[in-house]
Amino acid sequence: MTPVTLYRTAQQDIIDRRDKRRVQTDDPALLRLLKPFVPGHLSVRIVDVSKDGLRISTQTALEPGSLVHLRMRNSAVIAEVRHCSASPDGFLAGLQVDSVTKLHA
Protein backbone atom coordinates (compact mmCIF):
# COMPACT_ATOMS: atom_id res chain seq x y z
CA MET A 1 0.00 0.00 0.00
CA THR A 2 1.34 3.38 -1.00
CA PRO A 3 0.63 6.70 0.78
CA VAL A 4 -1.02 9.25 -1.51
CA THR A 5 0.07 12.89 -1.39
CA LEU A 6 -0.95 15.41 -4.03
CA TYR A 7 0.36 18.96 -4.25
CA ARG A 8 -0.63 21.98 -6.32
CA THR A 9 1.62 22.66 -9.26
CA ALA A 10 1.86 25.55 -11.67
CA GLN A 11 -0.52 23.64 -13.96
CA GLN A 12 -3.27 23.77 -11.27
CA ASP A 13 -3.16 20.03 -10.50
CA ILE A 14 -5.43 18.49 -7.91
CA ILE A 15 -4.94 19.82 -4.38
CA ASP A 16 -4.99 17.72 -1.25
CA ARG A 17 -4.63 19.99 1.77
CA ARG A 18 -5.44 17.34 4.35
CA ASP A 19 -2.77 16.51 6.91
CA LYS A 20 -3.73 12.81 7.20
CA ARG A 21 -1.72 10.24 5.24
CA ARG A 22 -3.72 8.12 2.81
CA VAL A 23 -3.11 4.53 1.89
CA GLN A 24 -4.27 3.37 -1.52
CA THR A 25 -6.29 0.18 -1.68
CA ASP A 26 -8.78 -1.58 -3.92
CA ASP A 27 -10.98 -3.47 -1.48
CA PRO A 28 -14.63 -4.44 -2.02
CA ALA A 29 -17.34 -3.31 0.39
CA LEU A 30 -21.12 -3.23 0.66
CA LEU A 31 -22.70 0.17 1.26
CA ARG A 32 -26.13 0.78 2.74
CA LEU A 33 -27.68 4.26 2.80
CA LEU A 34 -29.01 4.93 6.31
CA LYS A 35 -30.05 8.58 6.01
CA PRO A 36 -31.87 9.05 3.79
CA PHE A 37 -32.80 5.40 4.06
CA VAL A 38 -32.68 3.43 0.82
CA PRO A 39 -33.37 -0.33 0.96
CA GLY A 40 -30.71 -2.72 -0.30
CA HIS A 41 -26.96 -2.53 -0.72
CA LEU A 42 -24.55 -1.06 -3.26
CA SER A 43 -21.30 -2.79 -4.19
CA VAL A 44 -18.45 -0.27 -3.91
CA ARG A 45 -14.64 -0.27 -3.99
CA ILE A 46 -12.53 1.41 -1.34
CA VAL A 47 -9.95 3.52 -3.19
CA ASP A 48 -7.97 4.89 -0.25
CA VAL A 49 -8.13 5.16 3.53
CA SER A 50 -6.85 7.58 6.16
CA LYS A 51 -7.22 7.80 9.92
CA ASP A 52 -10.56 9.60 9.68
CA GLY A 53 -11.89 8.84 6.22
CA LEU A 54 -12.30 6.74 3.12
CA ARG A 55 -12.62 7.40 -0.56
CA ILE A 56 -14.85 5.00 -2.44
CA SER A 57 -15.68 4.31 -6.06
CA THR A 58 -19.36 3.65 -6.80
CA GLN A 59 -21.70 3.45 -9.77
CA THR A 60 -24.30 5.55 -7.92
CA ALA A 61 -24.02 9.24 -6.97
CA LEU A 62 -24.19 9.82 -3.22
CA GLU A 63 -25.63 13.00 -1.73
CA PRO A 64 -23.24 14.95 0.56
CA GLY A 65 -24.54 14.78 4.13
CA SER A 66 -25.91 11.25 3.70
CA LEU A 67 -25.16 8.74 6.45
CA VAL A 68 -23.88 5.36 5.23
CA HIS A 69 -22.96 1.95 6.62
CA LEU A 70 -20.02 0.18 4.94
CA ARG A 71 -19.38 -3.50 5.52
CA MET A 72 -15.93 -4.81 4.71
CA ARG A 73 -14.27 -8.16 5.31
CA ASN A 74 -13.40 -7.64 9.00
CA SER A 75 -15.12 -4.39 9.95
CA ALA A 76 -18.17 -2.20 9.63
CA VAL A 77 -18.06 1.59 9.35
CA ILE A 78 -20.61 4.34 9.87
CA ALA A 79 -19.64 7.44 7.88
CA GLU A 80 -20.94 10.69 6.43
CA VAL A 81 -20.64 11.46 2.73
CA ARG A 82 -18.65 14.70 2.54
CA HIS A 83 -18.45 15.01 -1.26
CA CYS A 84 -19.16 13.04 -4.42
CA SER A 85 -18.07 13.74 -7.97
CA ALA A 86 -18.26 12.04 -11.35
CA SER A 87 -15.25 9.99 -12.44
CA PRO A 88 -14.47 8.00 -15.60
CA ASP A 89 -15.66 4.81 -13.85
CA GLY A 90 -18.78 6.22 -12.15
CA PHE A 91 -18.42 8.36 -9.01
CA LEU A 92 -15.82 9.00 -6.31
CA ALA A 93 -17.09 9.85 -2.84
CA GLY A 94 -15.20 11.05 0.22
CA LEU A 95 -16.49 9.70 3.53
CA GLN A 96 -15.77 10.97 7.03
CA VAL A 97 -15.73 8.03 9.44
CA ASP A 98 -17.90 8.32 12.57
CA SER A 99 -17.33 4.84 14.01
CA VAL A 100 -15.63 1.52 13.22
CA THR A 101 -16.71 -1.88 14.54
CA LYS A 102 -14.46 -4.94 14.23
CA LEU A 103 -16.35 -8.00 13.00
CA HIS A 104 -15.54 -11.54 14.04
CA ALA A 105 -15.10 -14.17 11.35
PDB file of N, CA and C in Angstrom:
ATOM      1  N   MET A   1       0.849  -1.180   0.000  1.00  0.00           N
ATOM      2  CA  MET A   1       0.000   0.000   0.000  1.00  0.00           C
ATOM      3  C   MET A   1       0.890   1.238   0.000  1.00  0.00           C
ATOM      4  N   THR A   2       0.521   2.198  -0.818  1.00  0.00           N
ATOM      5  CA  THR A   2       1.338   3.382  -1.001  1.00  0.00           C
ATOM      6  C   THR A   2       0.613   4.611  -0.488  1.00  0.00           C
ATOM      7  N   PRO A   3       1.269   5.452   0.354  1.00  0.00           N
ATOM      8  CA  PRO A   3       0.633   6.704   0.776  1.00  0.00           C
ATOM      9  C   PRO A   3       0.410   7.612  -0.427  1.00  0.00           C
ATOM     10  N   VAL A   4      -0.689   8.354  -0.408  1.00  0.00           N
ATOM     11  CA  VAL A   4      -1.023   9.254  -1.506  1.00  0.00           C
ATOM     12  C   VAL A   4      -0.876  10.685  -1.022  1.00  0.00           C
ATOM     13  N   THR A   5      -0.073  11.483  -1.709  1.00  0.00           N
ATOM     14  CA  THR A   5       0.069  12.890  -1.387  1.00  0.00           C
ATOM     15  C   THR A   5       0.064  13.669  -2.689  1.00  0.00           C
ATOM     16  N   LEU A   6      -0.859  14.590  -2.824  1.00  0.00           N
ATOM     17  CA  LEU A   6      -0.950  15.410  -4.030  1.00  0.00           C
ATOM     18  C   LEU A   6      -0.691  16.863  -3.662  1.00  0.00           C
ATOM     19  N   TYR A   7       0.038  17.563  -4.491  1.00  0.00           N
ATOM     20  CA  TYR A   7       0.356  18.962  -4.253  1.00  0.00           C
ATOM     21  C   TYR A   7      -0.052  19.794  -5.450  1.00  0.00           C
ATOM     22  N   ARG A   8      -0.306  21.060  -5.228  1.00  0.00           N
ATOM     23  CA  ARG A   8      -0.634  21.980  -6.319  1.00  0.00           C
ATOM     24  C   ARG A   8       0.634  22.298  -7.098  1.00  0.00           C
ATOM     25  N   THR A   9       0.509  22.278  -8.394  1.00  0.00           N
ATOM     26  CA  THR A   9       1.625  22.657  -9.263  1.00  0.00           C
ATOM     27  C   THR A   9       1.221  23.887 -10.049  1.00  0.00           C
ATOM     28  N   ALA A  10       2.143  24.375 -10.847  1.00  0.00           N
ATOM     29  CA  ALA A  10       1.856  25.546 -11.673  1.00  0.00           C
ATOM     30  C   ALA A  10       0.742  25.269 -12.667  1.00  0.00           C
ATOM     31  N   GLN A  11       0.535  23.994 -12.996  1.00  0.00           N
ATOM     32  CA  GLN A  11      -0.516  23.636 -13.956  1.00  0.00           C
ATOM     33  C   GLN A  11      -1.873  23.464 -13.272  1.00  0.00           C
ATOM     34  N   GLN A  12      -2.009  23.853 -12.007  1.00  0.00           N
ATOM     35  CA  GLN A  12      -3.273  23.771 -11.269  1.00  0.00           C
ATOM     36  C   GLN A  12      -3.735  22.319 -11.091  1.00  0.00           C
ATOM     37  N   ASP A  13      -2.803  21.419 -10.749  1.00  0.00           N
ATOM     38  CA  ASP A  13      -3.157  20.033 -10.498  1.00  0.00           C
ATOM     39  C   ASP A  13      -4.060  19.937  -9.279  1.00  0.00           C
ATOM     40  N   ILE A  14      -4.547  18.745  -9.041  1.00  0.00           N
ATOM     41  CA  ILE A  14      -5.433  18.488  -7.906  1.00  0.00           C
ATOM     42  C   ILE A  14      -4.734  18.853  -6.603  1.00  0.00           C
ATOM     43  N   ILE A  15      -5.487  19.434  -5.682  1.00  0.00           N
ATOM     44  CA  ILE A  15      -4.941  19.818  -4.384  1.00  0.00           C
ATOM     45  C   ILE A  15      -5.464  18.867  -3.321  1.00  0.00           C
ATOM     46  N   ASP A  16      -4.582  18.474  -2.424  1.00  0.00           N
ATOM     47  CA  ASP A  16      -4.990  17.718  -1.248  1.00  0.00           C
ATOM     48  C   ASP A  16      -4.364  18.397  -0.050  1.00  0.00           C
ATOM     49  N   ARG A  17      -5.140  19.203   0.656  1.00  0.00           N
ATOM     50  CA  ARG A  17      -4.628  19.989   1.772  1.00  0.00           C
ATOM     51  C   ARG A  17      -4.722  19.254   3.108  1.00  0.00           C
ATOM     52  N   ARG A  18      -5.264  18.059   3.099  1.00  0.00           N
ATOM     53  CA  ARG A  18      -5.436  17.339   4.352  1.00  0.00           C
ATOM     54  C   ARG A  18      -4.094  16.934   4.925  1.00  0.00           C
ATOM     55  N   ASP A  19      -4.016  16.878   6.264  1.00  0.00           N
ATOM     56  CA  ASP A  19      -2.766  16.507   6.913  1.00  0.00           C
ATOM     57  C   ASP A  19      -2.694  15.021   7.256  1.00  0.00           C
ATOM     58  N   LYS A  20      -3.702  14.253   6.926  1.00  0.00           N
ATOM     59  CA  LYS A  20      -3.727  12.811   7.199  1.00  0.00           C
ATOM     60  C   LYS A  20      -3.135  12.055   6.007  1.00  0.00           C
ATOM     61  N   ARG A  21      -2.268  11.088   6.304  1.00  0.00           N
ATOM     62  CA  ARG A  21      -1.724  10.237   5.245  1.00  0.00           C
ATOM     63  C   ARG A  21      -2.795   9.312   4.728  1.00  0.00           C
ATOM     64  N   ARG A  22      -2.770   9.041   3.436  1.00  0.00           N
ATOM     65  CA  ARG A  22      -3.719   8.122   2.810  1.00  0.00           C
ATOM     66  C   ARG A  22      -2.971   6.890   2.325  1.00  0.00           C
ATOM     67  N   VAL A  23      -3.658   5.782   2.393  1.00  0.00           N
ATOM     68  CA  VAL A  23      -3.111   4.532   1.891  1.00  0.00           C
ATOM     69  C   VAL A  23      -4.036   4.052   0.782  1.00  0.00           C
ATOM     70  N   GLN A  24      -3.467   3.849  -0.401  1.00  0.00           N
ATOM     71  CA  GLN A  24      -4.267   3.369  -1.523  1.00  0.00           C
ATOM     72  C   GLN A  24      -4.628   1.907  -1.314  1.00  0.00           C
ATOM     73  N   THR A  25      -5.821   1.554  -1.762  1.00  0.00           N
ATOM     74  CA  THR A  25      -6.292   0.179  -1.677  1.00  0.00           C
ATOM     75  C   THR A  25      -7.270  -0.060  -2.820  1.00  0.00           C
ATOM     76  N   ASP A  26      -7.746  -1.251  -2.942  1.00  0.00           N
ATOM     77  CA  ASP A  26      -8.784  -1.579  -3.924  1.00  0.00           C
ATOM     78  C   ASP A  26      -9.608  -2.719  -3.344  1.00  0.00           C
ATOM     79  N   ASP A  27     -10.238  -2.452  -2.203  1.00  0.00           N
ATOM     80  CA  ASP A  27     -10.985  -3.474  -1.482  1.00  0.00           C
ATOM     81  C   ASP A  27     -12.480  -3.352  -1.727  1.00  0.00           C
ATOM     82  N   PRO A  28     -13.170  -4.480  -1.842  1.00  0.00           N
ATOM     83  CA  PRO A  28     -14.631  -4.438  -2.020  1.00  0.00           C
ATOM     84  C   PRO A  28     -15.331  -4.149  -0.700  1.00  0.00           C
ATOM     85  N   ALA A  29     -16.501  -3.557  -0.794  1.00  0.00           N
ATOM     86  CA  ALA A  29     -17.339  -3.308   0.386  1.00  0.00           C
ATOM     87  C   ALA A  29     -18.793  -3.232  -0.059  1.00  0.00           C
ATOM     88  N   LEU A  30     -19.687  -3.428   0.897  1.00  0.00           N
ATOM     89  CA  LEU A  30     -21.117  -3.232   0.659  1.00  0.00           C
ATOM     90  C   LEU A  30     -21.537  -1.970   1.387  1.00  0.00           C
ATOM     91  N   LEU A  31     -22.259  -1.099   0.691  1.00  0.00           N
ATOM     92  CA  LEU A  31     -22.702   0.171   1.258  1.00  0.00           C
ATOM     93  C   LEU A  31     -24.216   0.162   1.377  1.00  0.00           C
ATOM     94  N   ARG A  32     -24.695   0.607   2.525  1.00  0.00           N
ATOM     95  CA  ARG A  32     -26.131   0.784   2.736  1.00  0.00           C
ATOM     96  C   ARG A  32     -26.365   2.238   3.124  1.00  0.00           C
ATOM     97  N   LEU A  33     -27.306   2.881   2.456  1.00  0.00           N
ATOM     98  CA  LEU A  33     -27.676   4.260   2.803  1.00  0.00           C
ATOM     99  C   LEU A  33     -28.624   4.223   3.992  1.00  0.00           C
ATOM    100  N   LEU A  34     -28.198   4.887   5.087  1.00  0.00           N
ATOM    101  CA  LEU A  34     -29.011   4.928   6.305  1.00  0.00           C
ATOM    102  C   LEU A  34     -29.877   6.180   6.389  1.00  0.00           C
ATOM    103  N   LYS A  35     -29.323   7.319   5.949  1.00  0.00           N
ATOM    104  CA  LYS A  35     -30.053   8.581   6.014  1.00  0.00           C
ATOM    105  C   LYS A  35     -29.667   9.423   4.816  1.00  0.00           C
ATOM    106  N   PRO A  36     -30.520   9.595   3.850  1.00  0.00           N
ATOM    107  CA  PRO A  36     -31.873   9.053   3.792  1.00  0.00           C
ATOM    108  C   PRO A  36     -31.828   7.543   3.566  1.00  0.00           C
ATOM    109  N   PHE A  37     -32.777   6.849   4.164  1.00  0.00           N
ATOM    110  CA  PHE A  37     -32.804   5.402   4.063  1.00  0.00           C
ATOM    111  C   PHE A  37     -33.178   4.970   2.653  1.00  0.00           C
ATOM    112  N   VAL A  38     -32.387   4.050   2.116  1.00  0.00           N
ATOM    113  CA  VAL A  38     -32.684   3.427   0.824  1.00  0.00           C
ATOM    114  C   VAL A  38     -32.502   1.927   1.030  1.00  0.00           C
ATOM    115  N   PRO A  39     -33.517   1.115   0.752  1.00  0.00           N
ATOM    116  CA  PRO A  39     -33.375  -0.326   0.962  1.00  0.00           C
ATOM    117  C   PRO A  39     -32.312  -0.937   0.044  1.00  0.00           C
ATOM    118  N   GLY A  40     -31.691  -2.002   0.503  1.00  0.00           N
ATOM    119  CA  GLY A  40     -30.709  -2.719  -0.300  1.00  0.00           C
ATOM    120  C   GLY A  40     -29.296  -2.223  -0.083  1.00  0.00           C
ATOM    121  N   HIS A  41     -28.376  -2.846  -0.815  1.00  0.00           N
ATOM    122  CA  HIS A  41     -26.956  -2.533  -0.723  1.00  0.00           C
ATOM    123  C   HIS A  41     -26.399  -2.138  -2.079  1.00  0.00           C
ATOM    124  N   LEU A  42     -25.318  -1.379  -2.054  1.00  0.00           N
ATOM    125  CA  LEU A  42     -24.551  -1.062  -3.258  1.00  0.00           C
ATOM    126  C   LEU A  42     -23.183  -1.703  -3.117  1.00  0.00           C
ATOM    127  N   SER A  43     -22.678  -2.303  -4.176  1.00  0.00           N
ATOM    128  CA  SER A  43     -21.304  -2.791  -4.190  1.00  0.00           C
ATOM    129  C   SER A  43     -20.400  -1.623  -4.530  1.00  0.00           C
ATOM    130  N   VAL A  44     -19.387  -1.379  -3.709  1.00  0.00           N
ATOM    131  CA  VAL A  44     -18.452  -0.272  -3.913  1.00  0.00           C
ATOM    132  C   VAL A  44     -17.027  -0.798  -3.780  1.00  0.00           C
ATOM    133  N   ARG A  45     -16.058   0.033  -4.175  1.00  0.00           N
ATOM    134  CA  ARG A  45     -14.641  -0.271  -3.992  1.00  0.00           C
ATOM    135  C   ARG A  45     -14.041   0.823  -3.133  1.00  0.00           C
ATOM    136  N   ILE A  46     -13.241   0.433  -2.161  1.00  0.00           N
ATOM    137  CA  ILE A  46     -12.527   1.409  -1.342  1.00  0.00           C
ATOM    138  C   ILE A  46     -11.247   1.759  -2.076  1.00  0.00           C
ATOM    139  N   VAL A  47     -11.076   3.044  -2.388  1.00  0.00           N
ATOM    140  CA  VAL A  47      -9.953   3.517  -3.189  1.00  0.00           C
ATOM    141  C   VAL A  47      -8.763   3.887  -2.313  1.00  0.00           C
ATOM    142  N   ASP A  48      -9.029   4.590  -1.204  1.00  0.00           N
ATOM    143  CA  ASP A  48      -7.973   4.892  -0.250  1.00  0.00           C
ATOM    144  C   ASP A  48      -8.565   5.109   1.129  1.00  0.00           C
ATOM    145  N   VAL A  49      -7.699   5.010   2.136  1.00  0.00           N
ATOM    146  CA  VAL A  49      -8.125   5.162   3.529  1.00  0.00           C
ATOM    147  C   VAL A  49      -7.155   6.080   4.251  1.00  0.00           C
ATOM    148  N   SER A  50      -7.672   6.779   5.254  1.00  0.00           N
ATOM    149  CA  SER A  50      -6.852   7.580   6.157  1.00  0.00           C
ATOM    150  C   SER A  50      -7.389   7.332   7.565  1.00  0.00           C
ATOM    151  N   LYS A  51      -6.800   7.985   8.533  1.00  0.00           N
ATOM    152  CA  LYS A  51      -7.224   7.796   9.920  1.00  0.00           C
ATOM    153  C   LYS A  51      -8.704   8.100  10.113  1.00  0.00           C
ATOM    154  N   ASP A  52      -9.200   9.141   9.453  1.00  0.00           N
ATOM    155  CA  ASP A  52     -10.564   9.605   9.679  1.00  0.00           C
ATOM    156  C   ASP A  52     -11.496   9.465   8.489  1.00  0.00           C
ATOM    157  N   GLY A  53     -11.029   8.869   7.387  1.00  0.00           N
ATOM    158  CA  GLY A  53     -11.895   8.843   6.224  1.00  0.00           C
ATOM    159  C   GLY A  53     -11.559   7.769   5.218  1.00  0.00           C
ATOM    160  N   LEU A  54     -12.429   7.693   4.221  1.00  0.00           N
ATOM    161  CA  LEU A  54     -12.303   6.738   3.121  1.00  0.00           C
ATOM    162  C   LEU A  54     -12.687   7.441   1.835  1.00  0.00           C
ATOM    163  N   ARG A  55     -12.122   6.981   0.742  1.00  0.00           N
ATOM    164  CA  ARG A  55     -12.619   7.401  -0.564  1.00  0.00           C
ATOM    165  C   ARG A  55     -13.078   6.132  -1.253  1.00  0.00           C
ATOM    166  N   ILE A  56     -14.296   6.175  -1.794  1.00  0.00           N
ATOM    167  CA  ILE A  56     -14.854   4.996  -2.442  1.00  0.00           C
ATOM    168  C   ILE A  56     -15.209   5.303  -3.891  1.00  0.00           C
ATOM    169  N   SER A  57     -15.219   4.249  -4.681  1.00  0.00           N
ATOM    170  CA  SER A  57     -15.682   4.312  -6.064  1.00  0.00           C
ATOM    171  C   SER A  57     -17.019   3.583  -6.119  1.00  0.00           C
ATOM    172  N   THR A  58     -18.011   4.213  -6.739  1.00  0.00           N
ATOM    173  CA  THR A  58     -19.356   3.652  -6.802  1.00  0.00           C
ATOM    174  C   THR A  58     -19.994   3.973  -8.150  1.00  0.00           C
ATOM    175  N   GLN A  59     -20.972   3.195  -8.530  1.00  0.00           N
ATOM    176  CA  GLN A  59     -21.705   3.450  -9.770  1.00  0.00           C
ATOM    177  C   GLN A  59     -22.891   4.384  -9.540  1.00  0.00           C
ATOM    178  N   THR A  60     -23.155   4.723  -8.282  1.00  0.00           N
ATOM    179  CA  THR A  60     -24.301   5.555  -7.922  1.00  0.00           C
ATOM    180  C   THR A  60     -23.829   6.829  -7.231  1.00  0.00           C
ATOM    181  N   ALA A  61     -24.358   7.975  -7.636  1.00  0.00           N
ATOM    182  CA  ALA A  61     -24.024   9.237  -6.974  1.00  0.00           C
ATOM    183  C   ALA A  61     -24.569   9.220  -5.555  1.00  0.00           C
ATOM    184  N   LEU A  62     -23.780   9.725  -4.619  1.00  0.00           N
ATOM    185  CA  LEU A  62     -24.193   9.820  -3.217  1.00  0.00           C
ATOM    186  C   LEU A  62     -24.306  11.288  -2.832  1.00  0.00           C
ATOM    187  N   GLU A  63     -25.361  11.609  -2.127  1.00  0.00           N
ATOM    188  CA  GLU A  63     -25.627  12.995  -1.726  1.00  0.00           C
ATOM    189  C   GLU A  63     -24.759  13.376  -0.526  1.00  0.00           C
ATOM    190  N   PRO A  64     -23.994  14.488  -0.613  1.00  0.00           N
ATOM    191  CA  PRO A  64     -23.243  14.947   0.559  1.00  0.00           C
ATOM    192  C   PRO A  64     -24.188  15.134   1.749  1.00  0.00           C
ATOM    193  N   GLY A  65     -23.728  14.724   2.919  1.00  0.00           N
ATOM    194  CA  GLY A  65     -24.537  14.785   4.127  1.00  0.00           C
ATOM    195  C   GLY A  65     -25.240  13.472   4.436  1.00  0.00           C
ATOM    196  N   SER A  66     -25.280  12.552   3.469  1.00  0.00           N
ATOM    197  CA  SER A  66     -25.909  11.245   3.702  1.00  0.00           C
ATOM    198  C   SER A  66     -25.098  10.445   4.720  1.00  0.00           C
ATOM    199  N   LEU A  67     -25.797   9.634   5.495  1.00  0.00           N
ATOM    200  CA  LEU A  67     -25.164   8.736   6.450  1.00  0.00           C
ATOM    201  C   LEU A  67     -25.161   7.340   5.840  1.00  0.00           C
ATOM    202  N   VAL A  68     -23.999   6.674   5.855  1.00  0.00           N
ATOM    203  CA  VAL A  68     -23.876   5.365   5.228  1.00  0.00           C
ATOM    204  C   VAL A  68     -23.269   4.352   6.190  1.00  0.00           C
ATOM    205  N   HIS A  69     -23.560   3.090   5.914  1.00  0.00           N
ATOM    206  CA  HIS A  69     -22.958   1.954   6.619  1.00  0.00           C
ATOM    207  C   HIS A  69     -22.173   1.176   5.577  1.00  0.00           C
ATOM    208  N   LEU A  70     -20.879   0.962   5.835  1.00  0.00           N
ATOM    209  CA  LEU A  70     -20.025   0.177   4.943  1.00  0.00           C
ATOM    210  C   LEU A  70     -19.647  -1.111   5.641  1.00  0.00           C
ATOM    211  N   ARG A  71     -19.813  -2.219   4.955  1.00  0.00           N
ATOM    212  CA  ARG A  71     -19.380  -3.502   5.515  1.00  0.00           C
ATOM    213  C   ARG A  71     -18.231  -4.037   4.673  1.00  0.00           C
ATOM    214  N   MET A  72     -17.116  -4.253   5.355  1.00  0.00           N
ATOM    215  CA  MET A  72     -15.931  -4.805   4.711  1.00  0.00           C
ATOM    216  C   MET A  72     -15.664  -6.181   5.302  1.00  0.00           C
ATOM    217  N   ARG A  73     -14.588  -6.793   4.890  1.00  0.00           N
ATOM    218  CA  ARG A  73     -14.269  -8.155   5.310  1.00  0.00           C
ATOM    219  C   ARG A  73     -14.277  -8.322   6.829  1.00  0.00           C
ATOM    220  N   ASN A  74     -13.544  -7.470   7.550  1.00  0.00           N
ATOM    221  CA  ASN A  74     -13.399  -7.641   8.998  1.00  0.00           C
ATOM    222  C   ASN A  74     -13.930  -6.475   9.815  1.00  0.00           C
ATOM    223  N   SER A  75     -14.637  -5.547   9.194  1.00  0.00           N
ATOM    224  CA  SER A  75     -15.124  -4.394   9.947  1.00  0.00           C
ATOM    225  C   SER A  75     -16.355  -3.773   9.293  1.00  0.00           C
ATOM    226  N   ALA A  76     -17.022  -2.977  10.097  1.00  0.00           N
ATOM    227  CA  ALA A  76     -18.170  -2.198   9.626  1.00  0.00           C
ATOM    228  C   ALA A  76     -17.927  -0.747  10.022  1.00  0.00           C
ATOM    229  N   VAL A  77     -18.322   0.172   9.148  1.00  0.00           N
ATOM    230  CA  VAL A  77     -18.058   1.593   9.348  1.00  0.00           C
ATOM    231  C   VAL A  77     -19.345   2.371   9.170  1.00  0.00           C
ATOM    232  N   ILE A  78     -19.563   3.329  10.052  1.00  0.00           N
ATOM    233  CA  ILE A  78     -20.609   4.340   9.874  1.00  0.00           C
ATOM    234  C   ILE A  78     -19.882   5.619   9.475  1.00  0.00           C
ATOM    235  N   ALA A  79     -20.334   6.257   8.385  1.00  0.00           N
ATOM    236  CA  ALA A  79     -19.637   7.440   7.884  1.00  0.00           C
ATOM    237  C   ALA A  79     -20.621   8.408   7.246  1.00  0.00           C
ATOM    238  N   GLU A  80     -20.168   9.651   7.113  1.00  0.00           N
ATOM    239  CA  GLU A  80     -20.944  10.690   6.433  1.00  0.00           C
ATOM    240  C   GLU A  80     -20.307  10.979   5.091  1.00  0.00           C
ATOM    241  N   VAL A  81     -21.134  11.077   4.064  1.00  0.00           N
ATOM    242  CA  VAL A  81     -20.642  11.459   2.733  1.00  0.00           C
ATOM    243  C   VAL A  81     -20.321  12.946   2.772  1.00  0.00           C
ATOM    244  N   ARG A  82     -19.074  13.296   2.514  1.00  0.00           N
ATOM    245  CA  ARG A  82     -18.649  14.701   2.539  1.00  0.00           C
ATOM    246  C   ARG A  82     -18.695  15.325   1.144  1.00  0.00           C
ATOM    247  N   HIS A  83     -18.389  14.521   0.128  1.00  0.00           N
ATOM    248  CA  HIS A  83     -18.452  15.014  -1.257  1.00  0.00           C
ATOM    249  C   HIS A  83     -18.553  13.823  -2.191  1.00  0.00           C
ATOM    250  N   CYS A  84     -19.041  14.084  -3.397  1.00  0.00           N
ATOM    251  CA  CYS A  84     -19.161  13.039  -4.418  1.00  0.00           C
ATOM    252  C   CYS A  84     -19.057  13.717  -5.774  1.00  0.00           C
ATOM    253  N   SER A  85     -18.226  13.145  -6.638  1.00  0.00           N
ATOM    254  CA  SER A  85     -18.075  13.735  -7.967  1.00  0.00           C
ATOM    255  C   SER A  85     -17.961  12.637  -9.016  1.00  0.00           C
ATOM    256  N   ALA A  86     -18.328  12.985 -10.245  1.00  0.00           N
ATOM    257  CA  ALA A  86     -18.257  12.038 -11.353  1.00  0.00           C
ATOM    258  C   ALA A  86     -16.803  11.700 -11.638  1.00  0.00           C
ATOM    259  N   SER A  87     -16.580  10.450 -12.044  1.00  0.00           N
ATOM    260  CA  SER A  87     -15.248   9.990 -12.440  1.00  0.00           C
ATOM    261  C   SER A  87     -15.422   9.150 -13.706  1.00  0.00           C
ATOM    262  N   PRO A  88     -14.342   8.809 -14.375  1.00  0.00           N
ATOM    263  CA  PRO A  88     -14.472   8.003 -15.597  1.00  0.00           C
ATOM    264  C   PRO A  88     -15.167   6.657 -15.362  1.00  0.00           C
ATOM    265  N   ASP A  89     -15.067   6.120 -14.149  1.00  0.00           N
ATOM    266  CA  ASP A  89     -15.664   4.811 -13.851  1.00  0.00           C
ATOM    267  C   ASP A  89     -16.967   4.893 -13.062  1.00  0.00           C
ATOM    268  N   GLY A  90     -17.548   6.064 -12.929  1.00  0.00           N
ATOM    269  CA  GLY A  90     -18.781   6.224 -12.147  1.00  0.00           C
ATOM    270  C   GLY A  90     -18.690   7.461 -11.284  1.00  0.00           C
ATOM    271  N   PHE A  91     -18.517   7.259  -9.956  1.00  0.00           N
ATOM    272  CA  PHE A  91     -18.421   8.364  -9.011  1.00  0.00           C
ATOM    273  C   PHE A  91     -17.368   8.051  -7.959  1.00  0.00           C
ATOM    274  N   LEU A  92     -16.718   9.104  -7.450  1.00  0.00           N
ATOM    275  CA  LEU A  92     -15.816   8.999  -6.312  1.00  0.00           C
ATOM    276  C   LEU A  92     -16.431   9.791  -5.178  1.00  0.00           C
ATOM    277  N   ALA A  93     -16.508   9.180  -4.001  1.00  0.00           N
ATOM    278  CA  ALA A  93     -17.093   9.846  -2.835  1.00  0.00           C
ATOM    279  C   ALA A  93     -16.109   9.822  -1.675  1.00  0.00           C
ATOM    280  N   GLY A  94     -16.009  10.940  -0.991  1.00  0.00           N
ATOM    281  CA  GLY A  94     -15.200  11.050   0.218  1.00  0.00           C
ATOM    282  C   GLY A  94     -16.092  10.878   1.424  1.00  0.00           C
ATOM    283  N   LEU A  95     -15.701   9.989   2.332  1.00  0.00           N
ATOM    284  CA  LEU A  95     -16.490   9.700   3.530  1.00  0.00           C
ATOM    285  C   LEU A  95     -15.708  10.049   4.775  1.00  0.00           C
ATOM    286  N   GLN A  96     -16.357  10.708   5.723  1.00  0.00           N
ATOM    287  CA  GLN A  96     -15.768  10.974   7.035  1.00  0.00           C
ATOM    288  C   GLN A  96     -16.274   9.909   7.997  1.00  0.00           C
ATOM    289  N   VAL A  97     -15.369   9.149   8.570  1.00  0.00           N
ATOM    290  CA  VAL A  97     -15.726   8.028   9.436  1.00  0.00           C
ATOM    291  C   VAL A  97     -16.194   8.535  10.804  1.00  0.00           C
ATOM    292  N   ASP A  98     -17.369   8.025  11.237  1.00  0.00           N
ATOM    293  CA  ASP A  98     -17.898   8.321  12.569  1.00  0.00           C
ATOM    294  C   ASP A  98     -17.544   7.223  13.555  1.00  0.00           C
ATOM    295  N   SER A  99     -17.648   5.949  13.111  1.00  0.00           N
ATOM    296  CA  SER A  99     -17.331   4.836  14.007  1.00  0.00           C
ATOM    297  C   SER A  99     -16.920   3.609  13.195  1.00  0.00           C
ATOM    298  N   VAL A 100     -16.097   2.764  13.825  1.00  0.00           N
ATOM    299  CA  VAL A 100     -15.631   1.522  13.218  1.00  0.00           C
ATOM    300  C   VAL A 100     -15.893   0.398  14.213  1.00  0.00           C
ATOM    301  N   THR A 101     -16.458  -0.691  13.718  1.00  0.00           N
ATOM    302  CA  THR A 101     -16.706  -1.883  14.542  1.00  0.00           C
ATOM    303  C   THR A 101     -15.968  -3.055  13.915  1.00  0.00           C
ATOM    304  N   LYS A 102     -15.145  -3.742  14.707  1.00  0.00           N
ATOM    305  CA  LYS A 102     -14.461  -4.944  14.226  1.00  0.00           C
ATOM    306  C   LYS A 102     -15.469  -6.085  14.208  1.00  0.00           C
ATOM    307  N   LEU A 103     -15.469  -6.854  13.127  1.00  0.00           N
ATOM    308  CA  LEU A 103     -16.354  -8.000  12.996  1.00  0.00           C
ATOM    309  C   LEU A 103     -15.565  -9.280  13.201  1.00  0.00           C
ATOM    310  N   HIS A 104     -16.200 -10.253  13.814  1.00  0.00           N
ATOM    311  CA  HIS A 104     -15.537 -11.540  14.036  1.00  0.00           C
ATOM    312  C   HIS A 104     -15.884 -12.474  12.893  1.00  0.00           C
ATOM    313  N   ALA A 105     -14.911 -13.245  12.480  1.00  0.00           N
ATOM    314  CA  ALA A 105     -15.104 -14.173  11.347  1.00  0.00           C
ATOM    315  C   ALA A 105     -16.007 -15.329  11.718  1.00  0.00           C
TER     316      ALA A 105
END
